C-alpha atoms as a PDB file:
ATOM      1  CA  UNK A   1     -45.964  15.231  53.596  1.00  0.00           C
ATOM      2  CA  UNK A   2     -46.788  11.529  53.184  1.00  0.00           C
ATOM      3  CA  UNK A   3     -49.943  11.682  51.076  1.00  0.00           C
ATOM      4  CA  UNK A   4     -47.962  10.263  48.158  1.00  0.00           C
ATOM      5  CA  UNK A   5     -46.898   7.133  50.078  1.00  0.00           C
ATOM      6  CA  UNK A   6     -48.973   3.942  50.211  1.00  0.00           C
ATOM      7  CA  UNK A   7     -48.163   0.733  52.086  1.00  0.00           C
ATOM      8  CA  UNK A   8     -50.234  -2.191  50.815  1.00  0.00           C
ATOM      9  CA  UNK A   9     -49.090  -5.209  52.845  1.00  0.00           C
ATOM     10  CA  UNK A  10     -45.805  -6.412  54.329  1.00  0.00           C
ATOM     11  CA  UNK A  11     -43.227  -4.075  52.694  1.00  0.00           C
ATOM     12  CA  UNK A  12     -45.148  -3.431  49.474  1.00  0.00           C
ATOM     13  CA  UNK A  13     -44.955   0.318  48.878  1.00  0.00           C
ATOM     14  CA  UNK A  14     -45.993   2.775  46.167  1.00  0.00           C
ATOM     15  CA  UNK A  15     -44.681   6.325  46.069  1.00  0.00           C
ATOM     16  CA  UNK A  16     -46.174   8.822  43.645  1.00  0.00           C
ATOM     17  CA  UNK A  17     -43.885  11.629  42.519  1.00  0.00           C
ATOM     18  CA  UNK A  18     -45.803  13.874  40.160  1.00  0.00           C
ATOM     19  CA  UNK A  19     -46.553  11.658  37.171  1.00  0.00           C
ATOM     20  CA  UNK A  20     -44.104   8.952  38.248  1.00  0.00           C
ATOM     21  CA  UNK A  21     -45.044   5.880  40.251  1.00  0.00           C
ATOM     22  CA  UNK A  22     -42.336   4.072  42.158  1.00  0.00           C
ATOM     23  CA  UNK A  23     -42.968   0.637  43.659  1.00  0.00           C
ATOM     24  CA  UNK A  24     -40.776  -0.996  46.260  1.00  0.00           C
ATOM     25  CA  UNK A  25     -41.093  -4.761  46.834  1.00  0.00           C
ATOM     26  CA  UNK A  26     -44.629  -5.177  45.407  1.00  0.00           C
ATOM     27  CA  UNK A  27     -46.269  -8.191  47.083  1.00  0.00           C
ATOM     28  CA  UNK A  28     -49.763  -9.674  47.266  1.00  0.00           C
ATOM     29  CA  UNK A  29     -51.186  -6.813  45.202  1.00  0.00           C
ATOM     30  CA  UNK A  30     -54.972  -7.035  45.115  1.00  0.00           C
ATOM     31  CA  UNK A  31     -55.143  -5.125  41.853  1.00  0.00           C
ATOM     32  CA  UNK A  32     -53.019  -4.990  38.718  1.00  0.00           C
ATOM     33  CA  UNK A  33     -52.530  -1.256  38.101  1.00  0.00           C
ATOM     34  CA  UNK A  34     -49.688  -1.741  35.580  1.00  0.00           C
ATOM     35  CA  UNK A  35     -48.594   1.836  36.212  1.00  0.00           C
ATOM     36  CA  UNK A  36     -45.030   1.473  37.517  1.00  0.00           C
ATOM     37  CA  UNK A  37     -42.322   3.734  36.190  1.00  0.00           C
ATOM     38  CA  UNK A  38     -39.832   2.168  38.603  1.00  0.00           C
ATOM     39  CA  UNK A  39     -39.835  -1.091  40.562  1.00  0.00           C
ATOM     40  CA  UNK A  40     -37.170  -1.227  43.263  1.00  0.00           C
ATOM     41  CA  UNK A  41     -36.386  -4.542  44.955  1.00  0.00           C
ATOM     42  CA  UNK A  42     -34.546  -4.724  48.285  1.00  0.00           C
ATOM     43  CA  UNK A  43     -33.677  -8.457  48.294  1.00  0.00           C
ATOM     44  CA  UNK A  44     -34.683 -11.825  46.912  1.00  0.00           C
ATOM     45  CA  UNK A  45     -36.984 -13.275  49.592  1.00  0.00           C
ATOM     46  CA  UNK A  46     -40.373 -14.242  48.186  1.00  0.00           C
ATOM     47  CA  UNK A  47     -42.263 -11.517  50.057  1.00  0.00           C
ATOM     48  CA  UNK A  48     -40.025  -8.852  48.486  1.00  0.00           C
ATOM     49  CA  UNK A  49     -39.178 -10.231  45.058  1.00  0.00           C
ATOM     50  CA  UNK A  50     -42.460 -11.541  43.654  1.00  0.00           C
ATOM     51  CA  UNK A  51     -42.482 -12.038  39.868  1.00  0.00           C
ATOM     52  CA  UNK A  52     -46.271 -12.341  39.947  1.00  0.00           C
ATOM     53  CA  UNK A  53     -46.618  -8.936  41.559  1.00  0.00           C
ATOM     54  CA  UNK A  54     -43.966  -7.317  39.393  1.00  0.00           C
ATOM     55  CA  UNK A  55     -46.095  -8.367  36.447  1.00  0.00           C
ATOM     56  CA  UNK A  56     -49.157  -6.787  38.085  1.00  0.00           C
ATOM     57  CA  UNK A  57     -47.505  -3.388  38.439  1.00  0.00           C
ATOM     58  CA  UNK A  58     -45.219  -3.273  35.375  1.00  0.00           C
ATOM     59  CA  UNK A  59     -46.455  -1.304  32.368  1.00  0.00           C
ATOM     60  CA  UNK A  60     -44.009  -3.087  30.066  1.00  0.00           C
ATOM     61  CA  UNK A  61     -41.595  -0.148  30.107  1.00  0.00           C
ATOM     62  CA  UNK A  62     -40.989  -0.149  33.841  1.00  0.00           C
ATOM     63  CA  UNK A  63     -37.428   0.127  35.121  1.00  0.00           C
ATOM     64  CA  UNK A  64     -36.557  -2.743  37.471  1.00  0.00           C
ATOM     65  CA  UNK A  65     -33.787  -2.103  40.006  1.00  0.00           C
ATOM     66  CA  UNK A  66     -32.291  -4.980  42.005  1.00  0.00           C
ATOM     67  CA  UNK A  67     -29.214  -5.738  44.128  1.00  0.00           C
ATOM     68  CA  UNK A  68     -26.358  -6.928  41.927  1.00  0.00           C
ATOM     69  CA  UNK A  69     -26.474 -10.567  43.042  1.00  0.00           C
ATOM     70  CA  UNK A  70     -30.112 -10.734  41.914  1.00  0.00           C
ATOM     71  CA  UNK A  71     -29.388 -10.052  38.247  1.00  0.00           C
ATOM     72  CA  UNK A  72     -29.851 -13.710  37.183  1.00  0.00           C
ATOM     73  CA  UNK A  73     -33.314 -13.737  38.797  1.00  0.00           C
ATOM     74  CA  UNK A  74     -34.197 -10.309  37.454  1.00  0.00           C
ATOM     75  CA  UNK A  75     -33.252 -11.251  33.902  1.00  0.00           C
ATOM     76  CA  UNK A  76     -36.091 -13.788  33.930  1.00  0.00           C
ATOM     77  CA  UNK A  77     -38.381 -10.737  34.097  1.00  0.00           C
ATOM     78  CA  UNK A  78     -36.877  -9.113  30.994  1.00  0.00           C
ATOM     79  CA  UNK A  79     -39.964  -9.683  28.858  1.00  0.00           C
ATOM     80  CA  UNK A  80     -42.195  -7.992  31.430  1.00  0.00           C
ATOM     81  CA  UNK A  81     -40.179  -4.832  32.172  1.00  0.00           C
ATOM     82  CA  UNK A  82     -38.391  -2.277  30.010  1.00  0.00           C
ATOM     83  CA  UNK A  83     -34.960  -2.059  31.651  1.00  0.00           C
ATOM     84  CA  UNK A  84     -33.069  -3.823  34.431  1.00  0.00           C
ATOM     85  CA  UNK A  85     -30.432  -2.103  36.563  1.00  0.00           C
ATOM     86  CA  UNK A  86     -28.288  -3.488  39.371  1.00  0.00           C
ATOM     87  CA  UNK A  87     -27.117  -1.672  42.482  1.00  0.00           C
ATOM     88  CA  UNK A  88     -24.642  -2.148  45.302  1.00  0.00           C
ATOM     89  CA  UNK A  89     -24.994  -0.970  48.912  1.00  0.00           C
ATOM     90  CA  UNK A  90     -23.609   2.404  49.919  1.00  0.00           C
ATOM     91  CA  UNK A  91     -23.766   4.065  46.515  1.00  0.00           C
ATOM     92  CA  UNK A  92     -25.543   6.981  44.827  1.00  0.00           C
ATOM     93  CA  UNK A  93     -27.487   6.418  41.613  1.00  0.00           C
ATOM     94  CA  UNK A  94     -29.364   8.425  39.026  1.00  0.00           C
ATOM     95  CA  UNK A  95     -31.456   6.284  36.703  1.00  0.00           C
ATOM     96  CA  UNK A  96     -33.773   7.910  34.156  1.00  0.00           C
ATOM     97  CA  UNK A  97     -34.185  10.962  36.337  1.00  0.00           C
ATOM     98  CA  UNK A  98     -34.706   9.127  39.634  1.00  0.00           C
ATOM     99  CA  UNK A  99     -32.010   9.877  42.196  1.00  0.00           C
ATOM    100  CA  UNK A 100     -31.445   7.579  45.133  1.00  0.00           C
ATOM    101  CA  UNK A 101     -28.856   6.266  47.534  1.00  0.00           C
ATOM    102  CA  UNK A 102     -28.546   2.640  48.593  1.00  0.00           C
ATOM    103  CA  UNK A 103     -28.006   1.590  52.206  1.00  0.00           C
ATOM    104  CA  UNK A 104     -26.812  -1.843  53.295  1.00  0.00           C
ATOM    105  CA  UNK A 105     -29.658  -3.895  54.809  1.00  0.00           C
ATOM    106  CA  UNK A 106     -28.699  -6.830  57.013  1.00  0.00           C
ATOM    107  CA  UNK A 107     -29.049  -8.551  60.381  1.00  0.00           C
ATOM    108  CA  UNK A 108     -26.390  -8.246  63.047  1.00  0.00           C
ATOM    109  CA  UNK A 109     -26.699 -11.686  64.647  1.00  0.00           C
ATOM    110  CA  UNK A 110     -29.646 -13.391  62.956  1.00  0.00           C
ATOM    111  CA  UNK A 111     -28.866 -15.454  59.839  1.00  0.00           C
ATOM    112  CA  UNK A 112     -31.749 -14.368  57.610  1.00  0.00           C
ATOM    113  CA  UNK A 113     -30.187 -11.317  55.951  1.00  0.00           C
ATOM    114  CA  UNK A 114     -26.383 -11.579  55.900  1.00  0.00           C
ATOM    115  CA  UNK A 115     -24.349  -8.521  55.011  1.00  0.00           C
ATOM    116  CA  UNK A 116     -22.484 -10.585  52.410  1.00  0.00           C
ATOM    117  CA  UNK A 117     -25.654 -10.858  50.299  1.00  0.00           C
ATOM    118  CA  UNK A 118     -25.376  -7.203  49.290  1.00  0.00           C
ATOM    119  CA  UNK A 119     -29.053  -6.434  49.926  1.00  0.00           C
ATOM    120  CA  UNK A 120     -30.195  -2.857  50.198  1.00  0.00           C
ATOM    121  CA  UNK A 121     -32.539  -0.235  51.454  1.00  0.00           C
ATOM    122  CA  UNK A 122     -33.171   2.859  49.347  1.00  0.00           C
ATOM    123  CA  UNK A 123     -33.183   6.583  50.069  1.00  0.00           C
ATOM    124  CA  UNK A 124     -35.247   8.162  47.308  1.00  0.00           C
ATOM    125  CA  UNK A 125     -34.806  11.831  46.535  1.00  0.00           C
ATOM    126  CA  UNK A 126     -38.298  12.665  45.392  1.00  0.00           C
ATOM    127  CA  UNK A 127     -40.869  15.423  45.808  1.00  0.00           C
ATOM    128  CA  UNK A 128     -38.242  17.499  47.599  1.00  0.00           C
ATOM    129  CA  UNK A 129     -37.826  14.868  50.304  1.00  0.00           C
ATOM    130  CA  UNK A 130     -35.476  12.050  51.260  1.00  0.00           C
ATOM    131  CA  UNK A 131     -37.587   8.926  51.747  1.00  0.00           C
ATOM    132  CA  UNK A 132     -35.793   5.959  53.321  1.00  0.00           C
ATOM    133  CA  UNK A 133     -37.170   2.474  52.700  1.00  0.00           C
ATOM    134  CA  UNK A 134     -35.055   0.333  54.996  1.00  0.00           C
ATOM    135  CA  UNK A 135     -35.711  -3.140  53.583  1.00  0.00           C
ATOM    136  CA  UNK A 136     -35.309  -6.147  55.876  1.00  0.00           C
ATOM    137  CA  UNK A 137     -32.702  -5.062  58.378  1.00  0.00           C
ATOM    138  CA  UNK A 138     -31.638  -4.523  61.934  1.00  0.00           C
ATOM    139  CA  UNK A 139     -30.151  -1.247  63.061  1.00  0.00           C
ATOM    140  CA  UNK A 140     -26.516  -1.598  62.060  1.00  0.00           C
ATOM    141  CA  UNK A 141     -23.341   0.396  61.531  1.00  0.00           C
ATOM    142  CA  UNK A 142     -24.339   1.169  57.925  1.00  0.00           C
ATOM    143  CA  UNK A 143     -27.807   2.608  58.562  1.00  0.00           C
ATOM    144  CA  UNK A 144     -27.625   4.294  61.950  1.00  0.00           C
ATOM    145  CA  UNK A 145     -26.356   7.522  60.336  1.00  0.00           C
ATOM    146  CA  UNK A 146     -29.053   7.716  57.635  1.00  0.00           C
ATOM    147  CA  UNK A 147     -30.368  11.222  57.022  1.00  0.00           C
ATOM    148  CA  UNK A 148     -33.949  11.338  55.783  1.00  0.00           C
ATOM    149  CA  UNK A 149     -37.249  13.169  56.096  1.00  0.00           C
ATOM    150  CA  UNK A 150     -39.439  10.040  56.062  1.00  0.00           C
ATOM    151  CA  UNK A 151     -38.415   6.533  57.141  1.00  0.00           C
ATOM    152  CA  UNK A 152     -40.274   3.307  56.393  1.00  0.00           C
ATOM    153  CA  UNK A 153     -38.887   0.627  58.709  1.00  0.00           C
ATOM    154  CA  UNK A 154     -39.689  -3.033  59.444  1.00  0.00           C
ATOM    155  CA  UNK A 155     -41.101  -3.755  62.908  1.00  0.00           C
ATOM    156  CA  UNK A 156     -42.335  -7.370  62.805  1.00  0.00           C
ATOM    157  CA  UNK A 157     -39.403  -9.022  64.561  1.00  0.00           C
ATOM    158  CA  UNK A 158     -37.897 -12.469  63.885  1.00  0.00           C
ATOM    159  CA  UNK A 159     -36.399 -11.586  60.481  1.00  0.00           C
ATOM    160  CA  UNK A 160     -35.931  -7.862  61.237  1.00  0.00           C
ATOM    161  CA  UNK A 161     -36.136  -5.373  64.072  1.00  0.00           C
ATOM    162  CA  UNK A 162     -39.112  -5.712  66.363  1.00  0.00           C
ATOM    163  CA  UNK A 163     -41.312  -2.753  67.302  1.00  0.00           C
ATOM    164  CA  UNK A 164     -39.142  -1.690  70.231  1.00  0.00           C
ATOM    165  CA  UNK A 165     -35.848  -1.923  68.358  1.00  0.00           C
ATOM    166  CA  UNK A 166     -37.358  -0.142  65.356  1.00  0.00           C
ATOM    167  CA  UNK A 167     -38.525   2.704  67.596  1.00  0.00           C
ATOM    168  CA  UNK A 168     -35.025   2.914  69.073  1.00  0.00           C
ATOM    169  CA  UNK A 169     -33.621   3.125  65.561  1.00  0.00           C
ATOM    170  CA  UNK A 170     -36.039   5.900  64.590  1.00  0.00           C
ATOM    171  CA  UNK A 171     -35.192   7.857  67.727  1.00  0.00           C
ATOM    172  CA  UNK A 172     -31.542   7.764  66.629  1.00  0.00           C
ATOM    173  CA  UNK A 173     -31.941   8.750  62.968  1.00  0.00           C
ATOM    174  CA  UNK A 174     -34.713  11.301  63.730  1.00  0.00           C
ATOM    175  CA  UNK A 175     -36.765  11.621  60.539  1.00  0.00           C
ATOM    176  CA  UNK A 176     -39.751  13.942  60.578  1.00  0.00           C
ATOM    177  CA  UNK A 177     -42.103  10.987  59.981  1.00  0.00           C
ATOM    178  CA  UNK A 178     -41.775   7.250  60.666  1.00  0.00           C
ATOM    179  CA  UNK A 179     -43.958   4.658  58.936  1.00  0.00           C
ATOM    180  CA  UNK A 180     -43.926   1.003  60.108  1.00  0.00           C
ATOM    181  CA  UNK A 181     -43.783  -1.869  57.596  1.00  0.00           C
ATOM    182  CA  UNK A 182     -43.262  -5.656  57.582  1.00  0.00           C
ATOM    183  CA  UNK A 183     -45.820  -6.657  60.208  1.00  0.00           C
ATOM    184  CA  UNK A 184     -49.347  -7.988  60.504  1.00  0.00           C
ATOM    185  CA  UNK A 185     -49.223 -10.785  57.928  1.00  0.00           C
ATOM    186  CA  UNK A 186     -46.192 -13.096  57.661  1.00  0.00           C
ATOM    187  CA  UNK A 187     -44.602 -11.853  60.879  1.00  0.00           C
ATOM    188  CA  UNK A 188     -45.732  -9.585  63.658  1.00  0.00           C
ATOM    189  CA  UNK A 189     -49.193  -8.511  64.773  1.00  0.00           C
ATOM    190  CA  UNK A 190     -51.254  -5.526  63.682  1.00  0.00           C
ATOM    191  CA  UNK A 191     -50.882  -4.252  67.250  1.00  0.00           C
ATOM    192  CA  UNK A 192     -47.119  -3.975  66.754  1.00  0.00           C
ATOM    193  CA  UNK A 193     -47.690  -0.698  64.932  1.00  0.00           C
ATOM    194  CA  UNK A 194     -49.169   0.819  68.084  1.00  0.00           C
ATOM    195  CA  UNK A 195     -46.254  -0.450  70.171  1.00  0.00           C
ATOM    196  CA  UNK A 196     -43.864   1.088  67.660  1.00  0.00           C
ATOM    197  CA  UNK A 197     -45.703   4.414  67.729  1.00  0.00           C
ATOM    198  CA  UNK A 198     -45.625   4.430  71.533  1.00  0.00           C
ATOM    199  CA  UNK A 199     -41.845   4.017  71.484  1.00  0.00           C
ATOM    200  CA  UNK A 200     -41.143   6.772  68.953  1.00  0.00           C
ATOM    201  CA  UNK A 201     -40.308  10.030  70.690  1.00  0.00           C
ATOM    202  CA  UNK A 202     -41.312  13.546  69.662  1.00  0.00           C
ATOM    203  CA  UNK A 203     -40.666  15.456  67.510  1.00  0.00           C
ATOM    204  CA  UNK A 204     -40.822  12.413  65.198  1.00  0.00           C
ATOM    205  CA  UNK A 205     -44.380  11.710  64.065  1.00  0.00           C
ATOM    206  CA  UNK A 206     -45.567   8.153  63.418  1.00  0.00           C
ATOM    207  CA  UNK A 207     -48.053   7.378  60.645  1.00  0.00           C
ATOM    208  CA  UNK A 208     -49.633   3.940  60.311  1.00  0.00           C
ATOM    209  CA  UNK A 209     -50.419   3.454  56.638  1.00  0.00           C
ATOM    210  CA  UNK A 210     -50.762  -0.320  56.127  1.00  0.00           C
ATOM    211  CA  UNK A 211     -53.784  -0.772  53.872  1.00  0.00           C
ATOM    212  CA  UNK A 212     -54.226  -4.538  54.291  1.00  0.00           C
END
């Protein structure tokens, strides 16, 4: 069910859908595969929008998708990618055959990710599944009703939910599988993944997929 999902570090994710490769927030890539069909960015913080890593994964024709307020930054990447598209939270999109919904990603009380920024998570409709990549967020009124089969959620705390709050969130939205992200490097400890898994209740299954 999740064999096509890789988590490299932080929130750097690759999803393979048949012949298509979809990257979300590529960061600190150890290789330069240059095989991206799509590159989806959740927000403009350096560990999510990394021009160096976009260049490592872009094949020159890659489609770059960013929140609308990031268009000026994204346009600086125009020579590296094939197309640039902007998105707003709470919408449905179909771009070159890839269908996805956007979900607002923001903190409730912390100042790091304000709702006014228009940053997003993505629900990809791929391989017959709904895969939710939450981005940097707390549980909030916009994401607590997400319907998905697989959820990738941040657990590192400080800038996002911590392991306990992330587990609470997963127990509310009830995907079949939960995968922790955003821990073990810039924020959070590797052990946070185990704490998250311990807090997630059956029948949800937790998979720890962080490669490095």
